[in-house]
C-alpha atoms as a PDB file:
ATOM      1  CA  MET A   1     191.474   4.262 120.730  1.00  0.00           C
ATOM      2  CA  PRO A   2     189.112   4.414 123.737  1.00  0.00           C
ATOM      3  CA  PRO A   3     188.760   1.232 125.746  1.00  0.00           C
ATOM      4  CA  LYS A   4     185.764  -1.067 125.262  1.00  0.00           C
ATOM      5  CA  VAL A   5     184.251   0.007 128.568  1.00  0.00           C
ATOM      6  CA  PHE A   6     184.011   3.581 127.197  1.00  0.00           C
ATOM      7  CA  TYR A   7     181.713   2.438 124.362  1.00  0.00           C
ATOM      8  CA  GLU A   8     179.670   0.283 126.720  1.00  0.00           C
ATOM      9  CA  ASP A   9     179.072   3.270 129.016  1.00  0.00           C
ATOM     10  CA  LEU A  10     178.239   5.485 126.025  1.00  0.00           C
ATOM     11  CA  ILE A  11     175.691   2.999 124.686  1.00  0.00           C
ATOM     12  CA  ALA A  12     174.143   2.675 128.129  1.00  0.00           C
ATOM     13  CA  ASP A  13     173.873   6.481 128.428  1.00  0.00           C
ATOM     14  CA  LEU A  14     172.275   6.733 124.985  1.00  0.00           C
ATOM     15  CA  ALA A  15     169.787   4.006 125.828  1.00  0.00           C
ATOM     16  CA  ARG A  16     168.811   5.798 129.034  1.00  0.00           C
ATOM     17  CA  TYR A  17     168.463   9.085 127.115  1.00  0.00           C
ATOM     18  CA  ILE A  18     166.226   7.503 124.443  1.00  0.00           C
ATOM     19  CA  TRP A  19     164.090   5.799 127.102  1.00  0.00           C
ATOM     20  CA  THR A  20     163.760   9.059 129.040  1.00  0.00           C
ATOM     21  CA  MET A  21     162.737  11.031 125.939  1.00  0.00           C
ATOM     22  CA  LYS A  22     160.221   8.384 124.955  1.00  0.00           C
ATOM     23  CA  TYR A  23     158.601   8.436 128.347  1.00  0.00           C
ATOM     24  CA  ALA A  24     159.244  12.093 129.099  1.00  0.00           C
ATOM     25  CA  PRO A  25     155.527  13.021 128.919  1.00  0.00           C
ATOM     26  CA  VAL A  26     154.700  10.277 131.406  1.00  0.00           C
ATOM     27  CA  LEU A  27     157.502  11.351 133.719  1.00  0.00           C
ATOM     28  CA  PHE A  28     156.348  14.957 133.438  1.00  0.00           C
ATOM     29  CA  LEU A  29     152.799  14.031 134.383  1.00  0.00           C
ATOM     30  CA  LEU A  30     153.992  11.961 137.307  1.00  0.00           C
ATOM     31  CA  LEU A  31     156.012  14.892 138.586  1.00  0.00           C
ATOM     32  CA  ALA A  32     153.210  17.348 137.916  1.00  0.00           C
ATOM     33  CA  PHE A  33     150.711  15.273 139.825  1.00  0.00           C
ATOM     34  CA  GLN A  34     153.043  14.401 142.658  1.00  0.00           C
ATOM     35  CA  GLY A  35     151.148  15.495 145.724  1.00  0.00           C
ATOM     36  CA  PHE A  36     147.946  15.964 143.704  1.00  0.00           C
ATOM     37  CA  GLY A  37     145.060  16.192 146.126  1.00  0.00           C
ATOM     38  CA  ALA A  38     147.314  17.139 149.038  1.00  0.00           C
ATOM     39  CA  ILE A  39     145.858  19.949 151.141  1.00  0.00           C
ATOM     40  CA  GLU A  40     148.021  22.983 151.721  1.00  0.00           C
ATOM     41  CA  PRO A  41     148.462  23.831 155.412  1.00  0.00           C
ATOM     42  CA  LEU A  42     146.545  26.836 156.646  1.00  0.00           C
ATOM     43  CA  PRO A  43     148.686  29.953 157.193  1.00  0.00           C
ATOM     44  CA  THR A  44     149.663  30.294 160.836  1.00  0.00           C
ATOM     45  CA  GLU A  45     151.254  33.760 160.741  1.00  0.00           C
ATOM     46  CA  ASP A  46     148.989  35.612 158.286  1.00  0.00           C
ATOM     47  CA  TYR A  47     145.468  36.157 159.604  1.00  0.00           C
ATOM     48  CA  ALA A  48     144.201  37.780 156.404  1.00  0.00           C
ATOM     49  CA  ALA A  49     145.252  34.708 154.410  1.00  0.00           C
ATOM     50  CA  TYR A  50     143.697  32.427 157.027  1.00  0.00           C
ATOM     51  CA  LYS A  51     140.469  34.414 157.000  1.00  0.00           C
ATOM     52  CA  ALA A  52     140.267  33.953 153.222  1.00  0.00           C
ATOM     53  CA  GLN A  53     139.990  30.179 153.826  1.00  0.00           C
ATOM     54  CA  LEU A  54     136.903  30.495 156.041  1.00  0.00           C
ATOM     55  CA  LYS A  55     133.471  29.429 154.859  1.00  0.00           C
ATOM     56  CA  TYR A  56     130.189  30.911 156.060  1.00  0.00           C
ATOM     57  CA  LEU A  57     126.807  29.644 157.187  1.00  0.00           C
ATOM     58  CA  GLN A  58     123.870  32.032 157.409  1.00  0.00           C
ATOM     59  CA  SER A  59     122.131  31.320 160.705  1.00  0.00           C
ATOM     60  CA  GLU A  60     119.016  33.127 161.920  1.00  0.00           C
ATOM     61  CA  ASP A  61     121.237  35.220 164.179  1.00  0.00           C
ATOM     62  CA  GLY A  62     123.983  36.040 161.674  1.00  0.00           C
ATOM     63  CA  ASN A  63     126.782  34.582 159.587  1.00  0.00           C
ATOM     64  CA  ILE A  64     128.880  31.874 161.224  1.00  0.00           C
ATOM     65  CA  ALA A  65     132.440  31.591 159.906  1.00  0.00           C
ATOM     66  CA  TYR A  66     134.111  28.196 160.016  1.00  0.00           C
ATOM     67  CA  ILE A  67     136.943  26.043 158.738  1.00  0.00           C
ATOM     68  CA  ASP A  68     136.018  22.752 157.061  1.00  0.00           C
ATOM     69  CA  ARG A  69     139.169  21.031 155.904  1.00  0.00           C
ATOM     70  CA  GLY A  70     140.530  17.571 155.205  1.00  0.00           C
ATOM     71  CA  GLU A  71     139.069  14.101 154.772  1.00  0.00           C
ATOM     72  CA  GLY A  72     138.559  11.271 157.213  1.00  0.00           C
ATOM     73  CA  PRO A  73     137.078  10.963 160.699  1.00  0.00           C
ATOM     74  CA  VAL A  74     135.459  14.277 161.652  1.00  0.00           C
ATOM     75  CA  VAL A  75     136.827  16.352 164.520  1.00  0.00           C
ATOM     76  CA  MET A  76     135.069  19.510 165.699  1.00  0.00           C
ATOM     77  CA  LEU A  77     137.156  22.117 167.545  1.00  0.00           C
ATOM     78  CA  VAL A  78     135.305  24.640 169.722  1.00  0.00           C
ATOM     79  CA  HIS A  79     137.133  27.693 171.039  1.00  0.00           C
ATOM     80  CA  GLY A  80     136.428  29.864 174.084  1.00  0.00           C
ATOM     81  CA  VAL A  81     136.757  33.501 175.198  1.00  0.00           C
ATOM     82  CA  PRO A  82     138.121  35.756 173.761  1.00  0.00           C
ATOM     83  CA  THR A  83     139.517  33.724 170.868  1.00  0.00           C
ATOM     84  CA  SER A  84     138.347  32.047 167.650  1.00  0.00           C
ATOM     85  CA  SER A  85     139.224  29.139 165.384  1.00  0.00           C
ATOM     86  CA  TRP A  86     142.537  30.972 164.787  1.00  0.00           C
ATOM     87  CA  LEU A  87     143.642  29.564 168.149  1.00  0.00           C
ATOM     88  CA  TYR A  88     143.448  26.043 166.696  1.00  0.00           C
ATOM     89  CA  VAL A  89     145.144  26.664 163.343  1.00  0.00           C
ATOM     90  CA  LYS A  90     148.302  24.675 164.138  1.00  0.00           C
ATOM     91  CA  VAL A  91     146.231  21.823 165.575  1.00  0.00           C
ATOM     92  CA  ILE A  92     144.035  21.887 162.456  1.00  0.00           C
ATOM     93  CA  ASN A  93     147.051  21.526 160.166  1.00  0.00           C
ATOM     94  CA  GLU A  94     148.345  18.563 162.139  1.00  0.00           C
ATOM     95  CA  LEU A  95     144.999  16.783 162.220  1.00  0.00           C
ATOM     96  CA  VAL A  96     144.355  17.311 158.505  1.00  0.00           C
ATOM     97  CA  ALA A  97     147.839  15.982 157.700  1.00  0.00           C
ATOM     98  CA  SER A  98     147.107  12.867 159.781  1.00  0.00           C
ATOM     99  CA  GLY A  99     143.945  12.094 157.817  1.00  0.00           C
ATOM    100  CA  HIS A 100     141.085  13.879 159.550  1.00  0.00           C
ATOM    101  CA  ARG A 101     138.325  16.212 158.497  1.00  0.00           C
ATOM    102  CA  VAL A 102     138.345  19.208 160.824  1.00  0.00           C
ATOM    103  CA  VAL A 103     135.448  21.585 161.443  1.00  0.00           C
ATOM    104  CA  ALA A 104     136.366  24.645 163.524  1.00  0.00           C
ATOM    105  CA  PRO A 105     133.784  27.434 163.836  1.00  0.00           C
ATOM    106  CA  ASP A 106     134.138  31.013 164.946  1.00  0.00           C
ATOM    107  CA  LEU A 107     131.261  31.194 167.399  1.00  0.00           C
ATOM    108  CA  LEU A 108     128.782  34.033 166.958  1.00  0.00           C
ATOM    109  CA  GLY A 109     130.381  37.167 168.388  1.00  0.00           C
ATOM    110  CA  TYR A 110     133.949  35.966 167.800  1.00  0.00           C
ATOM    111  CA  GLY A 111     136.524  35.853 165.025  1.00  0.00           C
ATOM    112  CA  ALA A 112     135.126  36.462 161.557  1.00  0.00           C
ATOM    113  CA  SER A 113     131.540  35.587 162.511  1.00  0.00           C
ATOM    114  CA  ASP A 114     128.894  38.278 162.833  1.00  0.00           C
ATOM    115  CA  LYS A 115     128.700  40.200 166.090  1.00  0.00           C
ATOM    116  CA  PRO A 116     125.087  41.324 166.373  1.00  0.00           C
ATOM    117  CA  ASP A 117     123.667  43.458 169.138  1.00  0.00           C
ATOM    118  CA  GLY A 118     121.936  41.634 171.929  1.00  0.00           C
ATOM    119  CA  TYR A 119     122.619  39.887 175.210  1.00  0.00           C
ATOM    120  CA  ASP A 120     120.789  36.561 175.425  1.00  0.00           C
ATOM    121  CA  ILE A 121     121.807  35.883 171.836  1.00  0.00           C
ATOM    122  CA  TYR A 122     125.212  34.927 173.286  1.00  0.00           C
ATOM    123  CA  HIS A 123     123.846  32.534 175.914  1.00  0.00           C
ATOM    124  CA  GLN A 124     125.466  29.118 175.939  1.00  0.00           C
ATOM    125  CA  LYS A 125     122.229  27.400 174.879  1.00  0.00           C
ATOM    126  CA  ARG A 126     122.027  29.564 171.765  1.00  0.00           C
ATOM    127  CA  GLN A 127     125.661  28.884 170.926  1.00  0.00           C
ATOM    128  CA  ALA A 128     125.023  25.164 171.387  1.00  0.00           C
ATOM    129  CA  GLU A 129     122.128  25.286 168.939  1.00  0.00           C
ATOM    130  CA  ARG A 130     124.404  26.932 166.370  1.00  0.00           C
ATOM    131  CA  LEU A 131     127.006  24.189 166.749  1.00  0.00           C
ATOM    132  CA  LEU A 132     124.380  21.555 166.013  1.00  0.00           C
ATOM    133  CA  GLY A 133     123.039  23.660 163.167  1.00  0.00           C
ATOM    134  CA  LEU A 134     126.471  23.893 161.572  1.00  0.00           C
ATOM    135  CA  MET A 135     127.066  20.154 161.685  1.00  0.00           C
ATOM    136  CA  SER A 136     123.591  19.505 160.308  1.00  0.00           C
ATOM    137  CA  HIS A 137     124.326  21.936 157.480  1.00  0.00           C
ATOM    138  CA  LEU A 138     127.541  20.018 156.715  1.00  0.00           C
ATOM    139  CA  GLY A 139     125.737  16.688 156.802  1.00  0.00           C
ATOM    140  CA  VAL A 140     127.875  15.378 159.678  1.00  0.00           C
ATOM    141  CA  GLU A 141     125.969  12.977 161.914  1.00  0.00           C
ATOM    142  CA  HIS A 142     128.729  11.987 164.376  1.00  0.00           C
ATOM    143  CA  TRP A 143     132.096  13.395 165.325  1.00  0.00           C
ATOM    144  CA  THR A 144     134.886  13.661 167.876  1.00  0.00           C
ATOM    145  CA  HIS A 145     134.270  16.864 169.825  1.00  0.00           C
ATOM    146  CA  VAL A 146     137.025  19.055 171.294  1.00  0.00           C
ATOM    147  CA  CYS A 147     136.282  22.018 173.560  1.00  0.00           C
ATOM    148  CA  HIS A 148     138.319  24.694 175.306  1.00  0.00           C
ATOM    149  CA  ASP A 149     137.573  27.370 177.903  1.00  0.00           C
ATOM    150  CA  VAL A 150     133.942  28.601 177.772  1.00  0.00           C
ATOM    151  CA  GLY A 151     133.565  26.384 174.712  1.00  0.00           C
ATOM    152  CA  GLY A 152     132.951  23.745 177.368  1.00  0.00           C
ATOM    153  CA  LEU A 153     129.701  25.414 178.440  1.00  0.00           C
ATOM    154  CA  PHE A 154     128.504  25.505 174.835  1.00  0.00           C
ATOM    155  CA  THR A 155     129.466  21.837 174.588  1.00  0.00           C
ATOM    156  CA  TRP A 156     127.648  20.805 177.769  1.00  0.00           C
ATOM    157  CA  GLU A 157     124.465  22.480 176.520  1.00  0.00           C
ATOM    158  CA  MET A 158     124.901  20.805 173.141  1.00  0.00           C
ATOM    159  CA  LEU A 159     125.296  17.420 174.842  1.00  0.00           C
ATOM    160  CA  ARG A 160     122.074  18.007 176.778  1.00  0.00           C
ATOM    161  CA  MET A 161     120.347  18.448 173.416  1.00  0.00           C
ATOM    162  CA  ALA A 162     122.007  15.705 171.364  1.00  0.00           C
ATOM    163  CA  PRO A 163     124.512  13.504 173.230  1.00  0.00           C
ATOM    164  CA  GLU A 164     124.278  10.818 170.548  1.00  0.00           C
ATOM    165  CA  LYS A 165     126.062  13.061 168.041  1.00  0.00           C
ATOM    166  CA  VAL A 166     129.408  12.967 169.844  1.00  0.00           C
ATOM    167  CA  GLU A 167     131.381   9.731 169.489  1.00  0.00           C
ATOM    168  CA  ARG A 168     134.352  10.912 171.557  1.00  0.00           C
ATOM    169  CA  LEU A 169     134.915  13.935 173.767  1.00  0.00           C
ATOM    170  CA  VAL A 170     138.215  15.759 174.306  1.00  0.00           C
ATOM    171  CA  VAL A 171     138.374  18.414 177.031  1.00  0.00           C
ATOM    172  CA  LEU A 172     141.099  21.084 176.962  1.00  0.00           C
ATOM    173  CA  ASN A 173     141.299  23.449 179.963  1.00  0.00           C
ATOM    174  CA  THR A 174     137.537  23.862 179.997  1.00  0.00           C
ATOM    175  CA  ILE A 175     134.968  25.351 182.376  1.00  0.00           C
ATOM    176  CA  MET A 176     133.385  22.448 184.236  1.00  0.00           C
ATOM    177  CA  TYR A 177     133.073  23.311 187.940  1.00  0.00           C
ATOM    178  CA  THR A 178     133.313  26.472 190.031  1.00  0.00           C
ATOM    179  CA  GLU A 179     136.242  24.782 191.779  1.00  0.00           C
ATOM    180  CA  GLY A 180     139.362  25.898 189.951  1.00  0.00           C
ATOM    181  CA  PHE A 181     137.504  28.492 187.844  1.00  0.00           C
ATOM    182  CA  LYS A 182     139.337  31.777 188.405  1.00  0.00           C
ATOM    183  CA  PRO A 183     138.296  34.267 185.693  1.00  0.00           C
ATOM    184  CA  PRO A 184     140.404  37.435 185.551  1.00  0.00           C
ATOM    185  CA  MET A 185     137.301  39.596 186.072  1.00  0.00           C
ATOM    186  CA  ARG A 186     133.709  39.218 187.264  1.00  0.00           C
ATOM    187  CA  PHE A 187     131.230  42.037 186.689  1.00  0.00           C
ATOM    188  CA  LYS A 188     127.613  42.861 187.271  1.00  0.00           C
ATOM    189  CA  LYS A 189     125.856  44.662 184.453  1.00  0.00           C
ATOM    190  CA  SER A 190     127.194  48.175 184.840  1.00  0.00           C
ATOM    191  CA  GLY A 191     128.863  51.097 183.161  1.00  0.00           C
ATOM    192  CA  TRP A 192     132.225  49.808 184.341  1.00  0.00           C
ATOM    193  CA  ALA A 193     131.596  46.429 182.715  1.00  0.00           C
ATOM    194  CA  THR A 194     130.567  48.205 179.508  1.00  0.00           C
ATOM    195  CA  PHE A 195     133.743  50.287 179.519  1.00  0.00           C
ATOM    196  CA  TYR A 196     136.039  47.382 180.349  1.00  0.00           C
ATOM    197  CA  THR A 197     134.688  45.171 177.565  1.00  0.00           C
ATOM    198  CA  TRP A 198     134.619  48.136 175.160  1.00  0.00           C
ATOM    199  CA  LEU A 199     138.403  48.198 175.470  1.00  0.00           C
ATOM    200  CA  TYR A 200     138.494  44.896 173.589  1.00  0.00           C
ATOM    201  CA  LYS A 201     137.032  46.519 170.494  1.00  0.00           C
ATOM    202  CA  SER A 202     138.672  49.948 170.661  1.00  0.00           C
ATOM    203  CA  LYS A 203     141.474  50.586 168.186  1.00  0.00           C
ATOM    204  CA  TRP A 204     143.960  51.527 170.889  1.00  0.00           C
ATOM    205  CA  GLY A 205     142.769  49.061 173.524  1.00  0.00           C
ATOM    206  CA  SER A 206     142.212  45.821 171.570  1.00  0.00           C
ATOM    207  CA  LYS A 207     145.869  45.000 171.122  1.00  0.00           C
ATOM    208  CA  MET A 208     146.643  45.860 174.739  1.00  0.00           C
ATOM    209  CA  MET A 209     143.810  43.696 176.096  1.00  0.00           C
ATOM    210  CA  MET A 210     144.623  40.668 173.963  1.00  0.00           C
ATOM    211  CA  LYS A 211     148.318  40.971 174.693  1.00  0.00           C
ATOM    212  CA  ALA A 212     147.544  40.967 178.420  1.00  0.00           C
ATOM    213  CA  THR A 213     145.177  38.007 177.992  1.00  0.00           C
ATOM    214  CA  PHE A 214     147.852  35.874 176.358  1.00  0.00           C
ATOM    215  CA  LYS A 215     150.562  37.001 178.734  1.00  0.00           C
ATOM    216  CA  ASN A 216     148.383  35.696 181.550  1.00  0.00           C
ATOM    217  CA  GLY A 217     147.358  32.553 179.667  1.00  0.00           C
ATOM    218  CA  LEU A 218     150.724  31.351 178.345  1.00  0.00           C
ATOM    219  CA  SER A 219     153.609  29.883 180.283  1.00  0.00           C
ATOM    220  CA  LYS A 220     156.706  32.014 180.703  1.00  0.00           C
ATOM    221  CA  ASN A 221     158.496  29.905 178.093  1.00  0.00           C
ATOM    222  CA  THR A 222     156.017  30.774 175.323  1.00  0.00           C
ATOM    223  CA  LYS A 223     155.900  34.081 173.474  1.00  0.00           C
ATOM    224  CA  LEU A 224     153.126  34.904 171.005  1.00  0.00           C
ATOM    225  CA  SER A 225     154.427  36.385 167.746  1.00  0.00           C
ATOM    226  CA  LYS A 226     153.146  39.773 166.590  1.00  0.00           C
ATOM    227  CA  GLN A 227     151.427  38.143 163.638  1.00  0.00           C
ATOM    228  CA  ARG A 228     149.733  35.535 165.793  1.00  0.00           C
ATOM    229  CA  LEU A 229     148.549  38.254 168.188  1.00  0.00           C
ATOM    230  CA  LYS A 230     147.164  40.297 165.298  1.00  0.00           C
ATOM    231  CA  GLY A 231     144.866  37.423 164.386  1.00  0.00           C
ATOM    232  CA  PHE A 232     143.253  37.722 167.819  1.00  0.00           C
ATOM    233  CA  TYR A 233     142.881  41.475 168.260  1.00  0.00           C
ATOM    234  CA  LEU A 234     141.834  42.513 164.744  1.00  0.00           C
ATOM    235  CA  PRO A 235     138.485  40.626 164.908  1.00  0.00           C
ATOM    236  CA  MET A 236     137.791  42.269 168.266  1.00  0.00           C
ATOM    237  CA  ARG A 237     137.689  45.668 166.595  1.00  0.00           C
ATOM    238  CA  GLU A 238     134.606  44.543 164.662  1.00  0.00           C
ATOM    239  CA  GLY A 239     132.440  44.368 167.805  1.00  0.00           C
ATOM    240  CA  GLY A 240     134.002  41.579 169.805  1.00  0.00           C
ATOM    241  CA  ASN A 241     133.055  43.264 173.086  1.00  0.00           C
ATOM    242  CA  LYS A 242     129.396  42.145 172.844  1.00  0.00           C
ATOM    243  CA  ALA A 243     129.904  38.435 173.451  1.00  0.00           C
ATOM    244  CA  ILE A 244     132.606  39.147 176.030  1.00  0.00           C
ATOM    245  CA  TYR A 245     130.217  41.416 177.949  1.00  0.00           C
ATOM    246  CA  HIS A 246     127.809  38.485 178.258  1.00  0.00           C
ATOM    247  CA  PHE A 247     130.616  36.226 179.469  1.00  0.00           C
ATOM    248  CA  PHE A 248     131.871  38.561 182.208  1.00  0.00           C
ATOM    249  CA  THR A 249     128.444  39.679 183.436  1.00  0.00           C
ATOM    250  CA  GLN A 250     126.516  36.404 183.300  1.00  0.00           C
ATOM    251  CA  THR A 251     128.600  33.300 182.647  1.00  0.00           C
ATOM    252  CA  CYS A 252     131.111  34.131 185.369  1.00  0.00           C
ATOM    253  CA  HIS A 253     128.306  34.488 187.920  1.00  0.00           C
ATOM    254  CA  LEU A 254     125.703  31.925 186.937  1.00  0.00           C
ATOM    255  CA  MET A 255     127.579  28.676 186.476  1.00  0.00           C
ATOM    256  CA  PRO A 256     125.103  25.847 185.886  1.00  0.00           C
ATOM    257  CA  ASP A 257     125.736  22.520 187.581  1.00  0.00           C
ATOM    258  CA  TYR A 258     126.407  19.922 184.902  1.00  0.00           C
ATOM    259  CA  THR A 259     127.252  17.038 187.230  1.00  0.00           C
ATOM    260  CA  ASP A 260     124.162  15.086 186.183  1.00  0.00           C
ATOM    261  CA  LEU A 261     125.087  15.521 182.532  1.00  0.00           C
ATOM    262  CA  PHE A 262     128.685  14.416 183.086  1.00  0.00           C
ATOM    263  CA  ASP A 263     127.507  11.322 184.929  1.00  0.00           C
ATOM    264  CA  SER A 264     125.172  10.385 182.065  1.00  0.00           C
ATOM    265  CA  LEU A 265     127.697  10.632 179.238  1.00  0.00           C
ATOM    266  CA  GLN A 266     128.448   7.320 177.549  1.00  0.00           C
ATOM    267  CA  MET A 267     131.167   8.265 175.056  1.00  0.00           C
ATOM    268  CA  PRO A 268     134.916   7.883 175.738  1.00  0.00           C
ATOM    269  CA  VAL A 269     136.461  11.040 177.223  1.00  0.00           C
ATOM    270  CA  LYS A 270     140.014  12.347 177.085  1.00  0.00           C
ATOM    271  CA  ILE A 271     141.318  15.228 179.218  1.00  0.00           C
ATOM    272  CA  ILE A 272     144.282  17.366 178.100  1.00  0.00           C
ATOM    273  CA  TRP A 273     145.099  20.125 180.578  1.00  0.00           C
ATOM    274  CA  GLY A 274     147.813  22.738 180.979  1.00  0.00           C
ATOM    275  CA  ALA A 275     149.074  22.520 184.560  1.00  0.00           C
ATOM    276  CA  GLN A 276     150.150  26.171 184.778  1.00  0.00           C
ATOM    277  CA  ASP A 277     146.718  27.595 183.921  1.00  0.00           C
ATOM    278  CA  PRO A 278     145.868  30.397 186.412  1.00  0.00           C
ATOM    279  CA  MET A 279     142.255  30.725 185.179  1.00  0.00           C
ATOM    280  CA  LEU A 280     141.153  27.107 184.969  1.00  0.00           C
ATOM    281  CA  GLN A 281     143.136  25.139 187.498  1.00  0.00           C
ATOM    282  CA  TRP A 282     143.208  21.348 187.267  1.00  0.00           C
ATOM    283  CA  GLN A 283     144.060  20.223 190.782  1.00  0.00           C
ATOM    284  CA  PRO A 284     141.079  21.835 192.632  1.00  0.00           C
ATOM    285  CA  GLN A 285     138.615  20.037 190.352  1.00  0.00           C
ATOM    286  CA  LYS A 286     140.549  16.920 189.432  1.00  0.00           C
ATOM    287  CA  GLU A 287     138.672  14.510 191.696  1.00  0.00           C
ATOM    288  CA  LEU A 288     135.282  16.001 190.778  1.00  0.00           C
ATOM    289  CA  VAL A 289     135.952  15.703 187.041  1.00  0.00           C
ATOM    290  CA  MET A 290     137.406  12.212 187.180  1.00  0.00           C
ATOM    291  CA  SER A 291     134.599  10.917 189.356  1.00  0.00           C
ATOM    292  CA  ALA A 292     131.788  12.513 187.339  1.00  0.00           C
ATOM    293  CA  LEU A 293     133.192  11.346 183.986  1.00  0.00           C
ATOM    294  CA  HIS A 294     134.317   7.942 185.324  1.00  0.00           C
ATOM    295  CA  LEU A 295     137.894   8.523 184.209  1.00  0.00           C
ATOM    296  CA  LYS A 296     141.095   6.638 184.905  1.00  0.00           C
ATOM    297  CA  GLU A 297     144.532   8.212 185.212  1.00  0.00           C
ATOM    298  CA  GLU A 298     145.409   7.106 181.671  1.00  0.00           C
ATOM    299  CA  ASP A 299     142.479   9.169 180.360  1.00  0.00           C
ATOM    300  CA  VAL A 300     144.153  12.364 181.531  1.00  0.00           C
ATOM    301  CA  THR A 301     147.205  14.088 180.053  1.00  0.00           C
ATOM    302  CA  VAL A 302     148.556  16.986 182.101  1.00  0.00           C
ATOM    303  CA  LEU A 303     150.933  19.268 180.215  1.00  0.00           C
ATOM    304  CA  ASP A 304     153.291  20.318 182.978  1.00  0.00           C
ATOM    305  CA  GLN A 305     155.001  23.120 181.050  1.00  0.00           C
ATOM    306  CA  SER A 306     151.855  24.694 179.555  1.00  0.00           C
ATOM    307  CA  ALA A 307     149.219  27.104 180.845  1.00  0.00           C
ATOM    308  CA  HIS A 308     145.752  28.007 179.501  1.00  0.00           C
ATOM    309  CA  PHE A 309     146.227  28.400 175.757  1.00  0.00           C
ATOM    310  CA  ILE A 310     147.726  24.970 175.222  1.00  0.00           C
ATOM    311  CA  GLN A 311     146.913  25.090 171.492  1.00  0.00           C
ATOM    312  CA  GLU A 312     149.618  27.743 171.180  1.00  0.00           C
ATOM    313  CA  GLU A 313     152.103  25.899 173.357  1.00  0.00           C
ATOM    314  CA  GLU A 314     151.861  22.237 172.342  1.00  0.00           C
ATOM    315  CA  PRO A 315     149.742  21.968 169.155  1.00  0.00           C
ATOM    316  CA  GLU A 316     151.593  18.944 167.776  1.00  0.00           C
ATOM    317  CA  ARG A 317     151.199  16.927 170.959  1.00  0.00           C
ATOM    318  CA  ILE A 318     147.526  17.843 171.297  1.00  0.00           C
ATOM    319  CA  ALA A 319     146.876  16.809 167.689  1.00  0.00           C
ATOM    320  CA  GLN A 320     148.718  13.521 168.199  1.00  0.00           C
ATOM    321  CA  ILE A 321     146.615  12.682 171.262  1.00  0.00           C
ATOM    322  CA  ILE A 322     143.376  13.549 169.472  1.00  0.00           C
ATOM    323  CA  ALA A 323     144.375  11.567 166.363  1.00  0.00           C
ATOM    324  CA  ALA A 324     145.240   8.495 168.421  1.00  0.00           C
ATOM    325  CA  PHE A 325     142.004   8.861 170.385  1.00  0.00           C
ATOM    326  CA  THR A 326     139.900   8.819 167.196  1.00  0.00           C
ATOM    327  CA  GLU A 327     141.400   5.447 166.279  1.00  0.00           C
ATOM    328  CA  LEU A 328     140.327   3.675 169.461  1.00  0.00           C
END
């Protein structure tokens, strides 16, 4: 005859079984809804799948593609040349996971946005107007603003128009002064400039040009995967040379002086800069930037092991700094 403890264990097992069956539907629902409302991370290695997540705004100049994802304090991420919101995808995922709403546009002429003919249509003032138009369309009155590369020029023009919209400003390896600004090429309007920028959109040249761009803009310790690279050169084949032509033939020559704007800004500012950047060097402009923006050393984070495309090299750290900054 089995010992008494055997029957006690059996009764306990039966009781648990009956309880489980009785509440099985409830348990099933709890499991089914576990994570309900959680936002799936954007794909970081499949550009086609990422592109499918983009939304579009019809502006007077063409469709503007953008990411609008997450809930919480709003952060706008503005890319530069010759990239798109794809550059920020890992940062976007981190910020959304930490409780932020992220808006990241593909500026006109870049990424999945339209690439119309024209020259002045790509001027920084026009791009700035589109940034404000997008946020107005989304009903966002105030936000933390993050800019990179020539996205800084679009940001400075935007701040001339509506400085009250930006609650906090985060600057990532951005064009600010001629000091430290070392673009890989400077052209006058010419046949050579047309040919060089045409390479960015040609089927055989686009991959080569973007590969060279990232080789120059990443530290030696960082290698861009083939899938990540594809997300940068495929959009170029749709006419990405037009906006780049404007950048190389005008922006690189006619750098406005924004010192008066910088001095007038009232919002908190955070600098995050890759120390190994050959195109936008920190040290030659450090004192100018810190003086104009009234910064202290603790307002600046220099990433010693990163170069220009810091979003590819240290996305988690960048997102952590931005997230903490929004809570101040």
